[in-house]
Amino acid sequence: MIIQESDSGGMAAAVHIFDWGRKIVSYLWISLRKLASFVEISLGVYNKRHKTADESYCGNKPS
């Protein structure tokens, strides 16, 4: 691949911007997955607590 002398600056800038964009996208993707797993775990814990609370209330409810 031959890059002309006048175009090399623009090409380098484009590659630099693309590289930064890729880093940002991967960082956002990792953050999104961490957030999703955190929410999933939180909901699972909440559902577990809620379920056990409901079961205990159903079992010990005065008639």
PDB file of N, CA and C in Angstrom:
ATOM      1  N   MET A   1       0.842  -1.180   0.000  1.00  0.00           N
ATOM      2  CA  MET A   1       0.000   0.000   0.000  1.00  0.00           C
ATOM      3  C   MET A   1       0.886   1.241   0.000  1.00  0.00           C
ATOM      4  N   ILE A   2       0.725   2.060  -1.016  1.00  0.00           N
ATOM      5  CA  ILE A   2       1.547   3.265  -1.142  1.00  0.00           C
ATOM      6  C   ILE A   2       0.703   4.475  -0.774  1.00  0.00           C
ATOM      7  N   ILE A   3       1.178   5.221   0.209  1.00  0.00           N
ATOM      8  CA  ILE A   3       0.479   6.434   0.629  1.00  0.00           C
ATOM      9  C   ILE A   3       1.284   7.625   0.143  1.00  0.00           C
ATOM     10  N   GLN A   4       0.626   8.555  -0.532  1.00  0.00           N
ATOM     11  CA  GLN A   4       1.328   9.752  -0.993  1.00  0.00           C
ATOM     12  C   GLN A   4       1.708  10.613   0.204  1.00  0.00           C
ATOM     13  N   GLU A   5       2.748  11.405   0.024  1.00  0.00           N
ATOM     14  CA  GLU A   5       3.270  12.226   1.116  1.00  0.00           C
ATOM     15  C   GLU A   5       2.223  13.207   1.626  1.00  0.00           C
ATOM     16  N   SER A   6       1.407  13.741   0.737  1.00  0.00           N
ATOM     17  CA  SER A   6       0.415  14.743   1.139  1.00  0.00           C
ATOM     18  C   SER A   6      -0.741  14.094   1.905  1.00  0.00           C
ATOM     19  N   ASP A   7      -0.978  12.816   1.679  1.00  0.00           N
ATOM     20  CA  ASP A   7      -2.137  12.145   2.281  1.00  0.00           C
ATOM     21  C   ASP A   7      -1.787  11.436   3.590  1.00  0.00           C
ATOM     22  N   SER A   8      -0.489  11.299   3.891  1.00  0.00           N
ATOM     23  CA  SER A   8      -0.089  10.491   5.043  1.00  0.00           C
ATOM     24  C   SER A   8      -0.589  11.085   6.355  1.00  0.00           C
ATOM     25  N   GLY A   9      -0.613  12.416   6.474  1.00  0.00           N
ATOM     26  CA  GLY A   9      -1.092  13.044   7.706  1.00  0.00           C
ATOM     27  C   GLY A   9      -2.551  12.740   7.952  1.00  0.00           C
ATOM     28  N   GLY A  10      -3.360  12.884   6.922  1.00  0.00           N
ATOM     29  CA  GLY A  10      -4.789  12.596   7.050  1.00  0.00           C
ATOM     30  C   GLY A  10      -5.038  11.129   7.342  1.00  0.00           C
ATOM     31  N   MET A  11      -4.259  10.268   6.695  1.00  0.00           N
ATOM     32  CA  MET A  11      -4.406   8.831   6.901  1.00  0.00           C
ATOM     33  C   MET A  11      -4.058   8.467   8.341  1.00  0.00           C
ATOM     34  N   ALA A  12      -2.966   9.034   8.850  1.00  0.00           N
ATOM     35  CA  ALA A  12      -2.556   8.751  10.227  1.00  0.00           C
ATOM     36  C   ALA A  12      -3.619   9.237  11.205  1.00  0.00           C
ATOM     37  N   ALA A  13      -4.178  10.415  10.934  1.00  0.00           N
ATOM     38  CA  ALA A  13      -5.223  10.952  11.810  1.00  0.00           C
ATOM     39  C   ALA A  13      -6.451  10.050  11.779  1.00  0.00           C
ATOM     40  N   ALA A  14      -6.814   9.581  10.590  1.00  0.00           N
ATOM     41  CA  ALA A  14      -7.981   8.708  10.466  1.00  0.00           C
ATOM     42  C   ALA A  14      -7.759   7.407  11.233  1.00  0.00           C
ATOM     43  N   VAL A  15      -6.557   6.843  11.113  1.00  0.00           N
ATOM     44  CA  VAL A  15      -6.240   5.605  11.836  1.00  0.00           C
ATOM     45  C   VAL A  15      -6.279   5.856  13.333  1.00  0.00           C
ATOM     46  N   HIS A  16      -5.749   7.014  13.754  1.00  0.00           N
ATOM     47  CA  HIS A  16      -5.729   7.362  15.179  1.00  0.00           C
ATOM     48  C   HIS A  16      -7.155   7.491  15.714  1.00  0.00           C
ATOM     49  N   ILE A  17      -7.997   8.191  14.972  1.00  0.00           N
ATOM     50  CA  ILE A  17      -9.397   8.370  15.388  1.00  0.00           C
ATOM     51  C   ILE A  17     -10.109   7.018  15.428  1.00  0.00           C
ATOM     52  N   PHE A  18      -9.860   6.185  14.419  1.00  0.00           N
ATOM     53  CA  PHE A  18     -10.491   4.865  14.381  1.00  0.00           C
ATOM     54  C   PHE A  18     -10.054   4.030  15.576  1.00  0.00           C
ATOM     55  N   ASP A  19      -8.753   4.102  15.912  1.00  0.00           N
ATOM     56  CA  ASP A  19      -8.232   3.343  17.047  1.00  0.00           C
ATOM     57  C   ASP A  19      -8.886   3.808  18.341  1.00  0.00           C
ATOM     58  N   TRP A  20      -8.996   5.125  18.530  1.00  0.00           N
ATOM     59  CA  TRP A  20      -9.654   5.655  19.724  1.00  0.00           C
ATOM     60  C   TRP A  20     -11.118   5.233  19.758  1.00  0.00           C
ATOM     61  N   GLY A  21     -11.786   5.299  18.601  1.00  0.00           N
ATOM     62  CA  GLY A  21     -13.189   4.898  18.537  1.00  0.00           C
ATOM     63  C   GLY A  21     -13.372   3.442  18.936  1.00  0.00           C
ATOM     64  N   ARG A  22     -12.440   2.602  18.467  1.00  0.00           N
ATOM     65  CA  ARG A  22     -12.523   1.179  18.808  1.00  0.00           C
ATOM     66  C   ARG A  22     -12.327   0.973  20.306  1.00  0.00           C
ATOM     67  N   LYS A  23     -11.383   1.713  20.903  1.00  0.00           N
ATOM     68  CA  LYS A  23     -11.158   1.598  22.346  1.00  0.00           C
ATOM     69  C   LYS A  23     -12.390   2.041  23.122  1.00  0.00           C
ATOM     70  N   ILE A  24     -12.990   3.153  22.690  1.00  0.00           N
ATOM     71  CA  ILE A  24     -14.175   3.675  23.386  1.00  0.00           C
ATOM     72  C   ILE A  24     -15.330   2.690  23.267  1.00  0.00           C
ATOM     73  N   VAL A  25     -15.538   2.151  22.074  1.00  0.00           N
ATOM     74  CA  VAL A  25     -16.635   1.194  21.865  1.00  0.00           C
ATOM     75  C   VAL A  25     -16.431  -0.052  22.720  1.00  0.00           C
ATOM     76  N   SER A  26     -15.192  -0.565  22.759  1.00  0.00           N
ATOM     77  CA  SER A  26     -14.951  -1.769  23.567  1.00  0.00           C
ATOM     78  C   SER A  26     -15.135  -1.465  25.050  1.00  0.00           C
ATOM     79  N   TYR A  27     -14.716  -0.260  25.474  1.00  0.00           N
ATOM     80  CA  TYR A  27     -14.896   0.127  26.881  1.00  0.00           C
ATOM     81  C   TYR A  27     -16.378   0.226  27.223  1.00  0.00           C
ATOM     82  N   LEU A  28     -17.143   0.853  26.327  1.00  0.00           N
ATOM     83  CA  LEU A  28     -18.587   0.977  26.562  1.00  0.00           C
ATOM     84  C   LEU A  28     -19.243  -0.398  26.584  1.00  0.00           C
ATOM     85  N   TRP A  29     -18.824  -1.282  25.676  1.00  0.00           N
ATOM     86  CA  TRP A  29     -19.403  -2.624  25.605  1.00  0.00           C
ATOM     87  C   TRP A  29     -19.131  -3.393  26.890  1.00  0.00           C
ATOM     88  N   ILE A  30     -17.889  -3.301  27.395  1.00  0.00           N
ATOM     89  CA  ILE A  30     -17.538  -3.985  28.644  1.00  0.00           C
ATOM     90  C   ILE A  30     -18.340  -3.406  29.803  1.00  0.00           C
ATOM     91  N   SER A  31     -18.444  -2.073  29.839  1.00  0.00           N
ATOM     92  CA  SER A  31     -19.206  -1.426  30.911  1.00  0.00           C
ATOM     93  C   SER A  31     -20.668  -1.854  30.862  1.00  0.00           C
ATOM     94  N   LEU A  32     -21.213  -1.920  29.650  1.00  0.00           N
ATOM     95  CA  LEU A  32     -22.619  -2.310  29.488  1.00  0.00           C
ATOM     96  C   LEU A  32     -22.831  -3.742  29.966  1.00  0.00           C
ATOM     97  N   ARG A  33     -21.901  -4.637  29.628  1.00  0.00           N
ATOM     98  CA  ARG A  33     -22.039  -6.031  30.065  1.00  0.00           C
ATOM     99  C   ARG A  33     -21.908  -6.158  31.571  1.00  0.00           C
ATOM    100  N   LYS A  34     -20.974  -5.379  32.163  1.00  0.00           N
ATOM    101  CA  LYS A  34     -20.829  -5.407  33.618  1.00  0.00           C
ATOM    102  C   LYS A  34     -22.098  -4.904  34.282  1.00  0.00           C
ATOM    103  N   LEU A  35     -22.656  -3.821  33.738  1.00  0.00           N
ATOM    104  CA  LEU A  35     -23.883  -3.256  34.291  1.00  0.00           C
ATOM    105  C   LEU A  35     -25.024  -4.256  34.163  1.00  0.00           C
ATOM    106  N   ALA A  36     -25.126  -4.910  33.008  1.00  0.00           N
ATOM    107  CA  ALA A  36     -26.195  -5.883  32.795  1.00  0.00           C
ATOM    108  C   ALA A  36     -26.068  -7.048  33.771  1.00  0.00           C
ATOM    109  N   SER A  37     -24.854  -7.547  33.970  1.00  0.00           N
ATOM    110  CA  SER A  37     -24.680  -8.665  34.902  1.00  0.00           C
ATOM    111  C   SER A  37     -24.966  -8.219  36.331  1.00  0.00           C
ATOM    112  N   PHE A  38     -24.579  -6.973  36.664  1.00  0.00           N
ATOM    113  CA  PHE A  38     -24.860  -6.449  38.004  1.00  0.00           C
ATOM    114  C   PHE A  38     -26.364  -6.341  38.234  1.00  0.00           C
ATOM    115  N   VAL A  39     -27.085  -5.820  37.240  1.00  0.00           N
ATOM    116  CA  VAL A  39     -28.540  -5.694  37.351  1.00  0.00           C
ATOM    117  C   VAL A  39     -29.175  -7.074  37.456  1.00  0.00           C
ATOM    118  N   GLU A  40     -28.677  -8.012  36.661  1.00  0.00           N
ATOM    119  CA  GLU A  40     -29.209  -9.377  36.682  1.00  0.00           C
ATOM    120  C   GLU A  40     -29.018 -10.008  38.060  1.00  0.00           C
ATOM    121  N   ILE A  41     -27.818  -9.827  38.633  1.00  0.00           N
ATOM    122  CA  ILE A  41     -27.539 -10.375  39.962  1.00  0.00           C
ATOM    123  C   ILE A  41     -28.428  -9.703  41.002  1.00  0.00           C
ATOM    124  N   SER A  42     -28.548  -8.371  40.904  1.00  0.00           N
ATOM    125  CA  SER A  42     -29.379  -7.632  41.861  1.00  0.00           C
ATOM    126  C   SER A  42     -30.830  -8.094  41.786  1.00  0.00           C
ATOM    127  N   LEU A  43     -31.343  -8.247  40.566  1.00  0.00           N
ATOM    128  CA  LEU A  43     -32.727  -8.701  40.402  1.00  0.00           C
ATOM    129  C   LEU A  43     -32.890 -10.120  40.922  1.00  0.00           C
ATOM    130  N   GLY A  44     -31.893 -10.959  40.680  1.00  0.00           N
ATOM    131  CA  GLY A  44     -31.959 -12.332  41.175  1.00  0.00           C
ATOM    132  C   GLY A  44     -32.001 -12.372  42.689  1.00  0.00           C
ATOM    133  N   VAL A  45     -31.171 -11.557  43.340  1.00  0.00           N
ATOM    134  CA  VAL A  45     -31.161 -11.498  44.806  1.00  0.00           C
ATOM    135  C   VAL A  45     -32.489 -10.957  45.302  1.00  0.00           C
ATOM    136  N   TYR A  46     -32.991  -9.911  44.649  1.00  0.00           N
ATOM    137  CA  TYR A  46     -34.270  -9.320  45.058  1.00  0.00           C
ATOM    138  C   TYR A  46     -35.398 -10.334  44.901  1.00  0.00           C
ATOM    139  N   ASN A  47     -35.423 -11.026  43.762  1.00  0.00           N
ATOM    140  CA  ASN A  47     -36.476 -12.012  43.536  1.00  0.00           C
ATOM    141  C   ASN A  47     -36.400 -13.133  44.557  1.00  0.00           C
ATOM    142  N   LYS A  48     -35.180 -13.555  44.898  1.00  0.00           N
ATOM    143  CA  LYS A  48     -35.012 -14.629  45.873  1.00  0.00           C
ATOM    144  C   LYS A  48     -35.544 -14.190  47.237  1.00  0.00           C
ATOM    145  N   ARG A  49     -35.172 -12.968  47.647  1.00  0.00           N
ATOM    146  CA  ARG A  49     -35.647 -12.455  48.934  1.00  0.00           C
ATOM    147  C   ARG A  49     -37.158 -12.297  48.924  1.00  0.00           C
ATOM    148  N   HIS A  50     -37.669 -11.748  47.831  1.00  0.00           N
ATOM    149  CA  HIS A  50     -39.104 -11.496  47.722  1.00  0.00           C
ATOM    150  C   HIS A  50     -39.882 -12.814  47.768  1.00  0.00           C
ATOM    151  N   LYS A  51     -39.338 -13.806  47.069  1.00  0.00           N
ATOM    152  CA  LYS A  51     -39.999 -15.110  47.010  1.00  0.00           C
ATOM    153  C   LYS A  51     -40.036 -15.748  48.401  1.00  0.00           C
ATOM    154  N   THR A  52     -38.909 -15.727  49.100  1.00  0.00           N
ATOM    155  CA  THR A  52     -38.884 -16.352  50.422  1.00  0.00           C
ATOM    156  C   THR A  52     -39.796 -15.597  51.378  1.00  0.00           C
ATOM    157  N   ALA A  53     -39.841 -14.260  51.249  1.00  0.00           N
ATOM    158  CA  ALA A  53     -40.734 -13.470  52.105  1.00  0.00           C
ATOM    159  C   ALA A  53     -42.187 -13.851  51.825  1.00  0.00           C
ATOM    160  N   ASP A  54     -42.533 -13.966  50.543  1.00  0.00           N
ATOM    161  CA  ASP A  54     -43.907 -14.342  50.184  1.00  0.00           C
ATOM    162  C   ASP A  54     -44.247 -15.730  50.719  1.00  0.00           C
ATOM    163  N   GLU A  55     -43.319 -16.664  50.584  1.00  0.00           N
ATOM    164  CA  GLU A  55     -43.583 -18.025  51.058  1.00  0.00           C
ATOM    165  C   GLU A  55     -43.770 -18.044  52.570  1.00  0.00           C
ATOM    166  N   SER A  56     -42.939 -17.286  53.283  1.00  0.00           N
ATOM    167  CA  SER A  56     -43.067 -17.296  54.741  1.00  0.00           C
ATOM    168  C   SER A  56     -44.380 -16.638  55.163  1.00  0.00           C
ATOM    169  N   TYR A  57     -44.771 -15.587  54.450  1.00  0.00           N
ATOM    170  CA  TYR A  57     -46.046 -14.943  54.773  1.00  0.00           C
ATOM    171  C   TYR A  57     -47.209 -15.890  54.486  1.00  0.00           C
ATOM    172  N   CYS A  58     -47.111 -16.599  53.365  1.00  0.00           N
ATOM    173  CA  CYS A  58     -48.190 -17.524  53.016  1.00  0.00           C
ATOM    174  C   CYS A  58     -48.270 -18.655  54.038  1.00  0.00           C
ATOM    175  N   GLY A  59     -47.104 -19.114  54.509  1.00  0.00           N
ATOM    176  CA  GLY A  59     -47.089 -20.223  55.455  1.00  0.00           C
ATOM    177  C   GLY A  59     -47.567 -19.819  56.838  1.00  0.00           C
ATOM    178  N   ASN A  60     -47.269 -18.594  57.263  1.00  0.00           N
ATOM    179  CA  ASN A  60     -47.564 -18.188  58.637  1.00  0.00           C
ATOM    180  C   ASN A  60     -48.685 -17.153  58.718  1.00  0.00           C
ATOM    181  N   LYS A  61     -49.520 -17.114  57.694  1.00  0.00           N
ATOM    182  CA  LYS A  61     -50.577 -16.102  57.683  1.00  0.00           C
ATOM    183  C   LYS A  61     -51.690 -16.518  58.643  1.00  0.00           C
ATOM    184  N   PRO A  62     -52.063 -15.655  59.576  1.00  0.00           N
ATOM    185  CA  PRO A  62     -53.173 -16.014  60.481  1.00  0.00           C
ATOM    186  C   PRO A  62     -54.500 -16.022  59.730  1.00  0.00           C
ATOM    187  N   SER A  63     -55.336 -17.031  59.981  1.00  0.00           N
ATOM    188  CA  SER A  63     -56.582 -17.142  59.228  1.00  0.00           C
ATOM    189  C   SER A  63     -57.703 -16.371  59.902  1.00  0.00           C
TER     190      SER A  63
END
